[in-house]
Amino acid sequence: MTTRGCHARGMADTNDLSAHQSTIEQIKEARAQAIEHTRLARQFAVERRDLMQSLLDQGVSQAEIARELGVTRQAIQKMLAC
């Protein structure tokens, strides 16, 4: 005997999604926005790292950057590692 899983709804429930088209479109839009957000977050992380590296190259310490940003020096090290 098999257990009833999350996909155990009757076939009639899954064959016709036209009544749910609006919700499906919202899901697609939410997914597209999440993908764009991830892309932007990666882009900003690179920009942040480059700016911090520029400060370090000019002699500003990680501790000084951390104080200005209100984070720990370890957080700065993690940001630089990305």
N, C-alpha and C. Protein backbone atom coordinates (compact mmCIF):
# COMPACT_ATOMS: atom_id res chain seq x y z
N MET A 1 0.84 -1.18 0.00
CA MET A 1 0.00 0.00 0.00
C MET A 1 0.88 1.24 0.00
N THR A 2 0.54 2.21 -0.82
CA THR A 2 1.32 3.43 -0.88
C THR A 2 0.63 4.51 -0.05
N THR A 3 1.44 5.45 0.39
CA THR A 3 0.87 6.56 1.16
C THR A 3 0.46 7.68 0.23
N ARG A 4 -0.46 8.44 0.65
CA ARG A 4 -0.96 9.55 -0.13
C ARG A 4 -0.01 10.73 0.02
N GLY A 5 0.56 11.20 -1.06
CA GLY A 5 1.53 12.30 -1.01
C GLY A 5 0.90 13.62 -1.39
N CYS A 6 1.72 14.61 -1.57
CA CYS A 6 1.23 15.94 -1.89
C CYS A 6 0.68 16.02 -3.31
N HIS A 7 0.95 15.02 -4.12
CA HIS A 7 0.47 15.01 -5.51
C HIS A 7 -0.72 14.06 -5.68
N ALA A 8 -1.39 13.74 -4.59
CA ALA A 8 -2.43 12.72 -4.63
C ALA A 8 -3.81 13.25 -4.98
N ARG A 9 -3.90 14.50 -5.39
CA ARG A 9 -5.21 15.02 -5.79
C ARG A 9 -5.70 14.26 -7.01
N GLY A 10 -6.99 14.29 -7.21
CA GLY A 10 -7.57 13.59 -8.35
C GLY A 10 -7.11 14.20 -9.66
N MET A 11 -7.13 13.44 -10.72
CA MET A 11 -6.71 13.90 -12.03
C MET A 11 -7.55 15.07 -12.52
N ALA A 12 -8.82 15.10 -12.15
CA ALA A 12 -9.69 16.19 -12.59
C ALA A 12 -9.19 17.54 -12.08
N ASP A 13 -8.54 17.54 -10.90
CA ASP A 13 -8.04 18.78 -10.32
C ASP A 13 -6.88 19.36 -11.11
N THR A 14 -6.08 18.51 -11.75
CA THR A 14 -4.85 18.98 -12.39
C THR A 14 -4.97 19.12 -13.89
N ASN A 15 -5.98 18.57 -14.51
CA ASN A 15 -6.08 18.60 -15.97
C ASN A 15 -6.46 19.97 -16.51
N ASP A 16 -7.29 20.71 -15.84
CA ASP A 16 -7.76 21.99 -16.34
C ASP A 16 -7.33 23.11 -15.42
N LEU A 17 -6.28 23.80 -15.80
CA LEU A 17 -5.76 24.90 -14.99
C LEU A 17 -6.26 26.25 -15.46
N SER A 18 -7.12 26.27 -16.46
CA SER A 18 -7.56 27.55 -17.01
C SER A 18 -8.24 28.42 -15.96
N ALA A 19 -8.90 27.81 -15.01
CA ALA A 19 -9.55 28.58 -13.95
C ALA A 19 -8.53 29.22 -13.01
N HIS A 20 -7.30 28.75 -13.07
CA HIS A 20 -6.24 29.23 -12.17
C HIS A 20 -5.17 30.03 -12.91
N GLN A 21 -5.48 30.44 -14.11
CA GLN A 21 -4.48 31.10 -14.95
C GLN A 21 -3.91 32.36 -14.30
N SER A 22 -4.76 33.13 -13.63
CA SER A 22 -4.29 34.35 -12.97
C SER A 22 -3.25 34.03 -11.90
N THR A 23 -3.52 33.01 -11.11
CA THR A 23 -2.57 32.61 -10.06
C THR A 23 -1.28 32.09 -10.66
N ILE A 24 -1.38 31.32 -11.73
CA ILE A 24 -0.19 30.80 -12.40
C ILE A 24 0.66 31.95 -12.94
N GLU A 25 0.01 32.96 -13.51
CA GLU A 25 0.74 34.13 -14.01
C GLU A 25 1.43 34.87 -12.86
N GLN A 26 0.79 34.95 -11.72
CA GLN A 26 1.40 35.59 -10.55
C GLN A 26 2.63 34.81 -10.09
N ILE A 27 2.54 33.50 -10.14
CA ILE A 27 3.68 32.66 -9.76
C ILE A 27 4.84 32.89 -10.73
N LYS A 28 4.53 32.95 -12.01
CA LYS A 28 5.58 33.19 -13.01
C LYS A 28 6.23 34.55 -12.80
N GLU A 29 5.43 35.56 -12.50
CA GLU A 29 5.97 36.90 -12.27
C GLU A 29 6.83 36.93 -11.01
N ALA A 30 6.37 36.27 -9.95
CA ALA A 30 7.16 36.21 -8.71
C ALA A 30 8.50 35.52 -8.96
N ARG A 31 8.48 34.46 -9.76
CA ARG A 31 9.72 33.75 -10.09
C ARG A 31 10.66 34.64 -10.89
N ALA A 32 10.12 35.35 -11.88
CA ALA A 32 10.94 36.25 -12.69
C ALA A 32 11.56 37.35 -11.83
N GLN A 33 10.78 37.87 -10.90
CA GLN A 33 11.30 38.92 -10.01
C GLN A 33 12.39 38.36 -9.10
N ALA A 34 12.22 37.14 -8.61
CA ALA A 34 13.23 36.52 -7.75
C ALA A 34 14.53 36.30 -8.52
N ILE A 35 14.42 35.87 -9.76
CA ILE A 35 15.62 35.67 -10.59
C ILE A 35 16.33 37.01 -10.81
N GLU A 36 15.58 38.06 -11.11
CA GLU A 36 16.17 39.39 -11.32
C GLU A 36 16.80 39.90 -10.04
N HIS A 37 16.14 39.68 -8.92
CA HIS A 37 16.68 40.11 -7.63
C HIS A 37 18.02 39.42 -7.36
N THR A 38 18.09 38.13 -7.63
CA THR A 38 19.33 37.39 -7.43
C THR A 38 20.44 37.93 -8.32
N ARG A 39 20.10 38.21 -9.58
CA ARG A 39 21.09 38.76 -10.51
C ARG A 39 21.62 40.11 -10.00
N LEU A 40 20.72 40.97 -9.56
CA LEU A 40 21.12 42.28 -9.05
C LEU A 40 21.95 42.16 -7.77
N ALA A 41 21.55 41.25 -6.89
CA ALA A 41 22.29 41.06 -5.64
C ALA A 41 23.73 40.65 -5.92
N ARG A 42 23.91 39.76 -6.89
CA ARG A 42 25.28 39.35 -7.27
C ARG A 42 26.07 40.52 -7.84
N GLN A 43 25.40 41.30 -8.68
CA GLN A 43 26.05 42.47 -9.28
C GLN A 43 26.47 43.46 -8.20
N PHE A 44 25.60 43.73 -7.24
CA PHE A 44 25.92 44.67 -6.17
C PHE A 44 27.01 44.13 -5.26
N ALA A 45 27.05 42.81 -5.05
CA ALA A 45 28.10 42.22 -4.22
C ALA A 45 29.47 42.43 -4.86
N VAL A 46 29.53 42.28 -6.17
CA VAL A 46 30.80 42.52 -6.89
C VAL A 46 31.19 43.99 -6.78
N GLU A 47 30.22 44.88 -6.97
CA GLU A 47 30.51 46.31 -6.87
C GLU A 47 30.99 46.67 -5.47
N ARG A 48 30.32 46.15 -4.45
CA ARG A 48 30.69 46.41 -3.05
C ARG A 48 32.10 45.92 -2.78
N ARG A 49 32.40 44.70 -3.25
CA ARG A 49 33.74 44.14 -3.04
C ARG A 49 34.81 45.01 -3.70
N ASP A 50 34.55 45.45 -4.95
CA ASP A 50 35.51 46.28 -5.66
C ASP A 50 35.74 47.61 -4.95
N LEU A 51 34.67 48.21 -4.43
CA LEU A 51 34.80 49.47 -3.71
C LEU A 51 35.61 49.29 -2.42
N MET A 52 35.34 48.20 -1.71
CA MET A 52 36.10 47.93 -0.48
C MET A 52 37.57 47.67 -0.80
N GLN A 53 37.81 46.92 -1.86
CA GLN A 53 39.20 46.64 -2.24
C GLN A 53 39.92 47.93 -2.59
N SER A 54 39.23 48.85 -3.22
CA SER A 54 39.82 50.15 -3.54
C SER A 54 40.22 50.89 -2.27
N LEU A 55 39.35 50.86 -1.27
CA LEU A 55 39.69 51.50 0.00
C LEU A 55 40.90 50.82 0.64
N LEU A 56 40.92 49.50 0.61
CA LEU A 56 42.06 48.77 1.19
C LEU A 56 43.35 49.12 0.46
N ASP A 57 43.28 49.22 -0.86
CA ASP A 57 44.45 49.57 -1.65
C ASP A 57 44.97 50.97 -1.31
N GLN A 58 44.07 51.83 -0.82
CA GLN A 58 44.44 53.20 -0.45
C GLN A 58 44.88 53.28 1.01
N GLY A 59 44.94 52.14 1.69
CA GLY A 59 45.45 52.11 3.05
C GLY A 59 44.41 52.12 4.15
N VAL A 60 43.14 52.09 3.82
CA VAL A 60 42.09 52.02 4.83
C VAL A 60 42.02 50.58 5.33
N SER A 61 41.95 50.40 6.64
CA SER A 61 41.95 49.03 7.18
C SER A 61 40.55 48.43 7.15
N GLN A 62 40.51 47.10 7.23
CA GLN A 62 39.23 46.41 7.31
C GLN A 62 38.45 46.86 8.54
N ALA A 63 39.15 47.07 9.65
CA ALA A 63 38.50 47.50 10.89
C ALA A 63 37.86 48.88 10.71
N GLU A 64 38.55 49.78 10.00
CA GLU A 64 37.98 51.11 9.77
C GLU A 64 36.73 51.03 8.88
N ILE A 65 36.79 50.22 7.86
CA ILE A 65 35.63 50.03 6.98
C ILE A 65 34.48 49.45 7.79
N ALA A 66 34.77 48.47 8.60
CA ALA A 66 33.74 47.82 9.42
C ALA A 66 33.07 48.83 10.35
N ARG A 67 33.87 49.66 11.00
CA ARG A 67 33.29 50.68 11.90
C ARG A 67 32.37 51.62 11.14
N GLU A 68 32.79 52.06 9.97
CA GLU A 68 31.98 52.99 9.18
C GLU A 68 30.67 52.35 8.70
N LEU A 69 30.72 51.05 8.40
CA LEU A 69 29.53 50.36 7.91
C LEU A 69 28.68 49.78 9.03
N GLY A 70 29.21 49.78 10.25
CA GLY A 70 28.46 49.24 11.38
C GLY A 70 28.38 47.73 11.38
N VAL A 71 29.45 47.10 10.88
CA VAL A 71 29.52 45.63 10.86
C VAL A 71 30.84 45.21 11.49
N THR A 72 31.04 43.92 11.63
CA THR A 72 32.29 43.42 12.18
C THR A 72 33.36 43.32 11.09
N ARG A 73 34.59 43.24 11.54
CA ARG A 73 35.69 43.05 10.60
C ARG A 73 35.55 41.71 9.89
N GLN A 74 35.02 40.72 10.59
CA GLN A 74 34.80 39.41 9.99
C GLN A 74 33.77 39.50 8.86
N ALA A 75 32.77 40.38 9.03
CA ALA A 75 31.77 40.58 7.96
C ALA A 75 32.44 41.17 6.73
N ILE A 76 33.37 42.09 6.96
CA ILE A 76 34.12 42.69 5.84
C ILE A 76 34.92 41.60 5.14
N GLN A 77 35.56 40.73 5.89
CA GLN A 77 36.34 39.65 5.29
C GLN A 77 35.45 38.74 4.43
N LYS A 78 34.23 38.45 4.90
CA LYS A 78 33.31 37.62 4.13
C LYS A 78 32.88 38.34 2.85
N MET A 79 32.62 39.64 2.95
CA MET A 79 32.22 40.40 1.78
C MET A 79 33.33 40.43 0.74
N LEU A 80 34.56 40.51 1.19
CA LEU A 80 35.69 40.54 0.27
C LEU A 80 35.93 39.18 -0.37
N ALA A 81 35.52 38.12 0.31
CA ALA A 81 35.76 36.76 -0.20
C ALA A 81 34.79 36.37 -1.32
N CYS A 82 33.70 37.08 -1.44
CA CYS A 82 32.68 36.72 -2.46
C CYS A 82 33.09 37.13 -3.84
